[in-house]
Amino acid sequence: MAIAALVLWMCTAAAGGYLLATSTRVGTGDGTPGEKAPAPEPAPEPAAVPAAPVRAKDRFDPPSLARAKSEPLPGMRALAEFAHPALAIIGLGMWLAYVFSRDRLFAAIGLGVLLGAICAGLYWALANARAARHPSSPDSCPPGPDPGAAARHPGALTFPPRLLILHGLGAALTLLLTALIAARA
């Protein structure tokens, strides 16, 4: 059963790696190279909303810094983007050590690291969804089934939805199997 959990974990990691490799990032909006995005269509002006006054020292901030400052917890999205795959790889190594040694400590550590990876992945997904919905975010996309929305919004990151569901289901099944095995071990 531990080998089945290991194989499922590896398949989930492969789906996650494929997600990262096939995701589409169209330009970052801050001068870094990317695909050239077509010119955005002019949108109707929204109702006047009083904007926060721009401080003198914020006037010269590059777009990436302005985007980071507009996040609810600056830097957490980037941390989750790094921590999710890193924790998943570390947890996979711990589970592999458990499979070879059958030491309960490796099972417990692998389960704990898996929980951290899942939490980081959920936060990453929620932060990306929030950024896509937030109209004042520089990398936001309007909701809806518009396939060209990512091309018109610099920095938008898109993932194939079916593969996201497959990755999430694989993670849930991996968590279930590892929790059962770690509790029994």
Protein backbone atom coordinates (compact mmCIF):
# COMPACT_ATOMS: atom_id res chain seq x y z
CA MET A 1 0.00 0.00 0.00
CA ALA A 2 2.92 2.37 0.69
CA ILE A 3 4.21 1.74 -2.82
CA ALA A 4 0.77 2.59 -4.23
CA ALA A 5 0.86 5.89 -2.32
CA LEU A 6 4.36 6.53 -3.67
CA VAL A 7 3.26 5.87 -7.26
CA LEU A 8 0.19 8.08 -6.81
CA TRP A 9 2.36 10.83 -5.32
CA MET A 10 4.75 10.58 -8.26
CA CYS A 11 1.85 10.79 -10.74
CA THR A 12 0.51 13.85 -8.93
CA ALA A 13 3.98 15.42 -9.02
CA ALA A 14 4.22 14.64 -12.74
CA ALA A 15 0.86 16.33 -13.34
CA GLY A 16 2.06 19.34 -11.33
CA GLY A 17 5.30 19.51 -13.27
CA TYR A 18 3.35 19.33 -16.52
CA LEU A 19 1.11 22.15 -15.24
CA LEU A 20 4.14 24.34 -14.63
CA ALA A 21 5.70 23.46 -17.98
CA THR A 22 2.55 24.11 -20.00
CA SER A 23 1.24 27.14 -18.14
CA THR A 24 1.07 30.27 -20.22
CA ARG A 25 2.50 33.53 -19.00
CA VAL A 26 2.00 36.31 -21.49
CA GLY A 27 4.53 39.05 -20.70
CA THR A 28 4.98 40.19 -17.15
CA GLY A 29 4.22 43.84 -17.61
CA ASP A 30 7.46 44.89 -15.95
CA GLY A 31 9.84 44.81 -18.89
CA THR A 32 10.87 41.17 -18.68
CA PRO A 33 10.68 39.23 -21.91
CA GLY A 34 7.59 37.29 -22.79
CA GLU A 35 5.29 36.82 -25.69
CA LYS A 36 4.08 40.06 -27.17
CA ALA A 37 0.53 40.63 -26.10
CA PRO A 38 -1.91 42.28 -28.48
CA ALA A 39 -3.06 45.77 -27.66
CA PRO A 40 -5.93 45.72 -25.18
CA GLU A 41 -9.34 46.75 -26.34
CA PRO A 42 -10.52 50.06 -24.89
CA ALA A 43 -12.86 49.41 -22.01
CA PRO A 44 -15.62 51.73 -20.87
CA GLU A 45 -14.58 53.95 -18.00
CA PRO A 46 -15.87 52.67 -14.64
CA ALA A 47 -17.49 54.96 -12.15
CA ALA A 48 -15.02 57.32 -10.54
CA VAL A 49 -13.55 55.71 -7.44
CA PRO A 50 -11.40 57.88 -5.23
CA ALA A 51 -7.91 56.44 -5.55
CA ALA A 52 -5.41 56.45 -2.76
CA PRO A 53 -2.99 59.34 -3.14
CA VAL A 54 0.36 58.35 -4.60
CA ARG A 55 3.15 59.07 -2.18
CA ALA A 56 6.21 60.81 -3.57
CA LYS A 57 8.46 57.83 -2.91
CA ASP A 58 5.98 55.39 -4.58
CA ARG A 59 5.92 57.35 -7.81
CA PHE A 60 9.03 55.65 -9.23
CA ASP A 61 8.18 52.07 -8.23
CA PRO A 62 8.46 49.56 -11.08
CA PRO A 63 5.23 47.69 -11.96
CA SER A 64 6.40 44.49 -10.24
CA LEU A 65 6.93 46.34 -6.96
CA ALA A 66 3.62 48.15 -7.26
CA ARG A 67 1.91 44.78 -7.87
CA ALA A 68 3.66 43.27 -4.84
CA LYS A 69 2.61 46.20 -2.65
CA SER A 70 -1.03 45.81 -3.69
CA GLU A 71 -1.23 42.20 -2.44
CA PRO A 72 -2.93 41.60 0.92
CA LEU A 73 0.19 39.85 2.22
CA PRO A 74 3.07 41.02 0.03
CA GLY A 75 5.37 38.22 -1.01
CA MET A 76 3.14 35.37 0.16
CA ARG A 77 2.01 34.49 -3.36
CA ALA A 78 5.62 34.19 -4.53
CA LEU A 79 6.50 32.21 -1.41
CA ALA A 80 3.63 29.77 -2.05
CA GLU A 81 4.67 29.49 -5.70
CA PHE A 82 8.11 28.36 -4.54
CA ALA A 83 7.12 26.41 -1.42
CA HIS A 84 4.44 24.22 -3.02
CA PRO A 85 6.70 22.30 -5.41
CA ALA A 86 9.66 22.41 -3.01
CA LEU A 87 7.67 20.88 -0.14
CA ALA A 88 6.13 18.31 -2.48
CA ILE A 89 9.58 17.14 -3.58
CA ILE A 90 10.87 17.01 0.01
CA GLY A 91 7.78 15.08 1.12
CA LEU A 92 8.17 12.67 -1.78
CA GLY A 93 11.75 12.03 -0.68
CA MET A 94 10.62 11.37 2.89
CA TRP A 95 7.93 8.98 1.68
CA LEU A 96 10.48 7.21 -0.51
CA ALA A 97 12.68 6.83 2.59
CA TYR A 98 9.68 5.35 4.42
CA VAL A 99 9.03 2.87 1.61
CA PHE A 100 12.64 1.67 1.70
CA SER A 101 13.16 1.65 5.49
CA ARG A 102 9.62 1.19 6.90
CA ASP A 103 10.57 3.59 9.69
CA ARG A 104 7.44 5.26 11.10
CA LEU A 105 9.30 8.54 11.59
CA PHE A 106 9.73 8.94 7.83
CA ALA A 107 6.01 8.28 7.32
CA ALA A 108 5.06 10.93 9.86
CA ILE A 109 7.50 13.49 8.43
CA GLY A 110 6.33 12.73 4.88
CA LEU A 111 2.70 13.22 5.90
CA GLY A 112 3.49 16.51 7.64
CA VAL A 113 5.43 17.85 4.69
CA LEU A 114 2.61 16.74 2.36
CA LEU A 115 0.14 18.73 4.45
CA GLY A 116 2.39 21.78 4.18
CA ALA A 117 2.66 21.34 0.41
CA ILE A 118 -1.11 21.06 0.07
CA CYS A 119 -1.63 24.19 2.19
CA ALA A 120 0.89 26.11 0.10
CA GLY A 121 -0.77 24.89 -3.09
CA LEU A 122 -4.22 25.90 -1.89
CA TYR A 123 -2.96 29.34 -0.88
CA TRP A 124 -1.25 29.72 -4.26
CA ALA A 125 -4.47 28.80 -6.09
CA LEU A 126 -6.58 31.15 -3.97
CA ALA A 127 -4.12 34.02 -4.35
CA ASN A 128 -4.06 33.57 -8.13
CA ALA A 129 -7.86 33.47 -8.25
CA ARG A 130 -8.10 36.58 -6.08
CA ALA A 131 -5.59 38.41 -8.29
CA ALA A 132 -7.54 37.41 -11.39
CA ARG A 133 -10.79 38.77 -9.92
CA HIS A 134 -9.38 41.99 -8.47
CA PRO A 135 -9.92 44.72 -11.08
CA SER A 136 -7.14 47.01 -9.86
CA SER A 137 -4.50 44.28 -10.01
CA PRO A 138 -2.12 44.71 -12.96
CA ASP A 139 -2.26 41.00 -13.72
CA SER A 140 -5.98 40.55 -13.37
CA CYS A 141 -8.17 38.99 -16.00
CA PRO A 142 -11.91 39.46 -16.29
CA PRO A 143 -13.98 36.45 -15.27
CA GLY A 144 -15.62 34.39 -17.95
CA PRO A 145 -14.82 31.92 -20.68
CA ASP A 146 -12.90 34.42 -22.81
CA PRO A 147 -9.93 32.45 -24.22
CA GLY A 148 -8.05 35.62 -25.18
CA ALA A 149 -8.32 37.20 -21.75
CA ALA A 150 -4.85 36.09 -20.71
CA ALA A 151 -3.37 37.53 -23.88
CA ARG A 152 -4.82 40.95 -23.15
CA HIS A 153 -3.70 41.09 -19.53
CA PRO A 154 0.07 41.10 -19.00
CA GLY A 155 1.39 38.70 -16.40
CA ALA A 156 -1.69 36.48 -16.48
CA LEU A 157 -0.86 32.85 -15.75
CA THR A 158 -3.25 30.26 -17.14
CA PHE A 159 -3.43 26.55 -16.41
CA PRO A 160 -5.49 23.87 -18.20
CA PRO A 161 -8.54 23.36 -15.93
CA ARG A 162 -8.80 19.59 -16.42
CA LEU A 163 -5.20 19.13 -15.44
CA LEU A 164 -5.72 21.31 -12.35
CA ILE A 165 -8.60 19.07 -11.31
CA LEU A 166 -6.51 15.95 -11.95
CA HIS A 167 -3.65 17.40 -9.87
CA GLY A 168 -6.02 18.30 -7.03
CA LEU A 169 -7.68 14.89 -7.02
CA GLY A 170 -4.29 13.20 -7.07
CA ALA A 171 -3.20 15.31 -4.10
CA ALA A 172 -6.39 14.47 -2.19
CA LEU A 173 -6.00 10.73 -2.82
CA THR A 174 -2.30 10.89 -1.91
CA LEU A 175 -3.18 12.65 1.35
CA LEU A 176 -5.82 10.02 2.13
CA LEU A 177 -3.48 7.10 1.46
CA THR A 178 -0.52 8.58 3.34
CA ALA A 179 -2.70 9.50 6.33
CA LEU A 180 -4.10 5.97 6.50
CA ILE A 181 -0.66 4.41 6.19
CA ALA A 182 0.98 6.78 8.69
CA ALA A 183 -1.84 6.17 11.21
CA ARG A 184 -1.47 2.41 10.80
CA ALA A 185 2.32 2.35 10.83
